[in-house]
Protein backbone atom coordinates (compact mmCIF):
# COMPACT_ATOMS: atom_id res chain seq x y z
CA MET A 1 0.00 0.00 0.00
CA LYS A 2 1.50 3.29 -1.01
CA MET A 3 1.18 5.32 2.14
CA PHE A 4 -0.82 8.46 1.51
CA VAL A 5 -0.88 9.00 5.26
CA GLU A 6 2.04 8.98 7.63
CA PRO A 7 0.72 7.03 10.58
CA PRO A 8 2.38 7.42 13.97
CA ALA A 9 2.15 3.62 14.37
CA ILE A 10 0.91 0.50 12.60
CA TYR A 11 -0.82 -2.17 14.68
CA LEU A 12 -1.82 -5.64 13.55
CA HIS A 13 -4.64 -7.46 15.36
CA LYS A 14 -3.42 -11.07 15.26
CA ALA A 15 -6.72 -12.92 15.76
CA PRO A 16 -9.07 -13.12 12.78
CA VAL A 17 -12.16 -10.91 12.92
CA ASP A 18 -15.67 -11.21 11.55
CA PHE A 19 -15.53 -9.26 8.29
CA ARG A 20 -19.14 -8.17 8.63
CA LYS A 21 -17.71 -5.65 11.11
CA SER A 22 -17.19 -2.18 9.75
CA ILE A 23 -15.88 1.04 11.30
CA ASN A 24 -17.86 0.90 14.55
CA GLY A 25 -17.20 -2.79 15.18
CA LEU A 26 -13.49 -2.55 14.35
CA SER A 27 -13.15 0.59 16.51
CA ALA A 28 -14.66 -1.35 19.40
CA ILE A 29 -12.03 -4.09 18.91
CA VAL A 30 -9.27 -1.46 18.91
CA GLU A 31 -10.54 -0.07 22.23
CA SER A 32 -11.54 -3.26 24.03
CA GLU A 33 -9.15 -5.95 22.78
CA MET A 34 -6.13 -3.96 21.63
CA GLU A 35 -6.54 -1.38 24.42
CA LEU A 36 -5.58 1.45 22.06
CA SER A 37 -7.32 4.61 20.90
CA PRO A 38 -8.82 4.40 17.41
CA PHE A 39 -8.46 8.21 17.24
CA SER A 40 -4.63 8.10 17.41
CA GLY A 41 -4.11 8.26 13.64
CA ALA A 42 -2.45 4.82 13.70
CA LEU A 43 -3.28 2.12 11.17
CA PHE A 44 -5.12 -0.87 12.63
CA ILE A 45 -4.87 -3.99 10.46
CA PHE A 46 -7.38 -6.86 10.62
CA CYS A 47 -7.61 -10.14 8.72
CA ASN A 48 -10.42 -12.63 8.12
CA ARG A 49 -10.23 -16.32 9.12
CA GLN A 50 -9.29 -17.44 5.58
CA ARG A 51 -6.44 -14.88 5.50
CA ASP A 52 -7.40 -13.67 2.02
CA LYS A 53 -8.87 -10.30 3.07
CA LEU A 54 -7.56 -7.32 5.03
CA LYS A 55 -9.28 -4.31 6.52
CA VAL A 56 -7.31 -1.30 7.70
CA LEU A 57 -8.91 1.28 9.94
CA TYR A 58 -7.53 4.72 10.71
CA TRP A 59 -8.64 8.16 11.85
CA ASP A 60 -7.58 11.01 9.53
CA LYS A 61 -8.49 13.93 11.86
CA THR A 62 -11.91 14.46 10.28
CA GLY A 63 -13.34 10.95 10.24
CA PHE A 64 -12.59 7.26 10.02
CA CYS A 65 -11.23 5.63 6.88
CA LEU A 66 -11.60 1.96 6.10
CA TRP A 67 -9.33 0.33 3.53
CA TYR A 68 -10.14 -3.16 2.19
CA LYS A 69 -8.06 -5.63 0.18
CA ARG A 70 -9.13 -9.03 -1.17
CA LEU A 71 -6.65 -11.47 -2.66
CA GLU A 72 -7.98 -13.53 -5.55
CA LYS A 73 -5.63 -16.55 -5.45
CA ALA A 74 -3.34 -16.32 -2.45
CA LYS A 75 -3.36 -15.85 1.32
CA PHE A 76 -1.61 -13.31 3.51
CA LYS A 77 1.30 -14.70 5.53
CA TRP A 78 -0.30 -13.87 8.86
CA PRO A 79 2.05 -13.94 11.87
CA ARG A 80 0.73 -16.83 13.98
CA LYS A 81 3.78 -17.66 16.09
CA MET A 82 4.33 -14.18 17.51
CA GLN A 83 3.32 -14.10 21.17
CA SER A 84 1.23 -10.96 21.64
CA SER A 85 -2.30 -10.44 20.36
CA THR A 86 -1.39 -6.99 19.02
CA ILE A 87 1.77 -6.61 16.95
CA THR A 88 3.45 -3.30 16.14
CA LEU A 89 4.74 -3.19 12.56
CA THR A 90 7.19 -0.95 10.78
CA GLU A 91 6.19 0.49 7.42
CA GLN A 92 8.65 -1.97 5.83
CA GLN A 93 6.96 -4.95 7.56
CA TRP A 94 3.56 -3.64 6.44
CA ALA A 95 4.82 -3.49 2.84
CA TRP A 96 6.26 -7.02 3.18
CA LEU A 97 2.91 -8.31 4.48
CA LEU A 98 1.07 -6.76 1.53
CA ASP A 99 3.65 -8.25 -0.86
CA GLY A 100 2.95 -11.75 0.49
CA LEU A 101 6.13 -12.13 2.53
CA ASP A 102 6.29 -13.70 5.98
CA ILE A 103 7.19 -10.85 8.34
CA THR A 104 8.30 -13.32 11.02
CA LEU A 105 11.12 -14.48 8.72
CA MET A 106 12.03 -11.10 7.24
CA LYS A 107 14.59 -9.15 9.20
CA GLY A 108 16.19 -5.96 7.99
CA HIS A 109 19.48 -4.57 9.20
CA GLN A 110 19.33 -3.52 12.82
CA PRO A 111 19.90 0.22 13.37
CA LEU A 112 23.14 1.10 15.09
CA HIS A 113 23.48 3.86 17.66
CA PHE A 114 26.88 5.39 18.26
CA SER A 115 27.80 8.22 20.59
CA ALA A 116 31.26 9.00 19.18
CA MET A 117 33.71 8.03 16.46
CA THR A 118 36.64 5.89 17.64
C-alpha cells in the first residue's frame, strides 16, 4: 500500500475478525481488545479467518477511513507464532505483508546507535 498518510504507528490485530464488522465494530475491537485509541491516527490492520482479506482502519483527523483488500488466489502470511495479540509493525513490515512475505522471517538490518567516532 502506497502510504498516503504517515501514521504514527501500525498495529496488527493477530486474531481473525468477523468481516461483517465495519468502522464501529473494528473501533470497538481497537478499544476493548487492543486497548488502544482508534483516534490516534495509527493504522489498525485486521484479517479474516481465511487470511485472504484485510481491513485497515484509521482516523484522519476528520473521520474514520476503512481500507479493504481481497486477494484472488493467495493468502496473507499472517504472523501466527508471535506471542502478543497486538503486533506493532514498521512500514517496511507492512509493505512485506502486503507483498505476500512472511514478516516473522524477514529481518532488515538492525539500526546502530553510536555516541562517538573511535
